[in-house]
Amino acid sequence: MSRRTPALIAAAVLLPLALTACSTTPDGDAATGDKAPAKSDGFPYTVKNCGVTTTFKAPPKRVVTMNQHVTEIMLELGLKKSLVGTAYLDDQVLPKYKEDYASVPVIAKEYPSYEQVLAANPDFVYGGYSSAFAAGDGRSRQALKKSGIESRLNTESCTKGDQPMDTLYEEIRQVGRTFGVPDRAEAWIKQAEADNAATAEKLAGLKPLSVFVYDSGDKTAFTAGGEGIGNELIERAGGTNVFADLDKPFGDASWENVVARKPEAIVIYDYGATTVEQKKKRLLTDPALADVPAVKNQRFAVMPLSDAVLGVRAPAAVDKLAAQLHPGATTP
């Protein structure tokens, strides 16, 4: 999992809190019709993102997205015409985005090289994980800036101690402002808040289940920590993350700790070459885990990785996870 290695994540969470934004003029109206980016009302717009302050005089016109969840943010906001390249799918894009995604050139299966990015001639690069801008690979935000390319890093990679769903709302709001479509962003946020409230109402009064997230790993378990949207998804879905004390979005835990914390359910992240069934087999055939309640009762839930990161899938992901953790309680 090169884009989300513990070292990268640990570095990312130490970056400055970057949720403040301001502009010198009021928001403009969103575009209509073919959903082309709006005219330059609301500009110049100044935003601070993960320690980098940028002033936009107009919406970016040629964008490369480096990870799936930020690609889907762009598509949700109707900005496919701004995309000149994309990269690094964790799984299939949502069906609602399939046609739009097919119209965007895939410039690399995983991360593109700096040269591949430049070949797309972007004026903006949007990364989902800090590894998208790895200096060692020549793709740092500073290097892009020297080439005249502005950038944005999804704020899950540089916030700490926040409320991740609020961070998501701010991510959508700032991207909407950057591309001159604030009304689309606010409409999405309003709907997301309503969807989250509806799920919370269905779960009212239920006792939370203790949950262990199994992302990957053999000698140790790579799991969801207490920082980031993954932990909040569990809580909003009627669970309690047994590794909420891990102060990062992702990290390693010992199997001894998994056993000691006795999770009642296991959420398996689905992505990459290792299938869900292979992950289940690894858990079910490990003698050390035989007495873990979730393993003993074979109580598993499954989430695509793209549901468990800071992107537009999050509100629906809460409801889908709640239905797996509390079957029957969420049935209309």
Foldseek 3Di string as FASTA:
>chain_A
DVQPDPVQLVVLQAFDQFLDWDFDADADAFDDDQREFDWQHRPQTWGGARNDIDTDRAAWQEEEEQEDQVVVLCVLSNHLNSYAEYEYYFDDDDPVCVVSVVVHHHQYHHADAPVSVVVSVGQEYEYAGSSNQDVVRVRHQVSCVVVNHHYHYQSLRHHFPDQAVVSLLSSLQVNCSNRSHNVSSVVLNVVLVVLLVLLQVLCPPPAAFEEWEAEDDDQWGKTAELRFQLQVLSVSLRHHYLRPVPRTGIDTDGVVSQQVSQGQEYEYAAGDDQGPVNVLCSQQPDVVNCPRNCNVVVQYHYDHVSCRHSHSNPSVSSLRSSCSRPPPSSDD
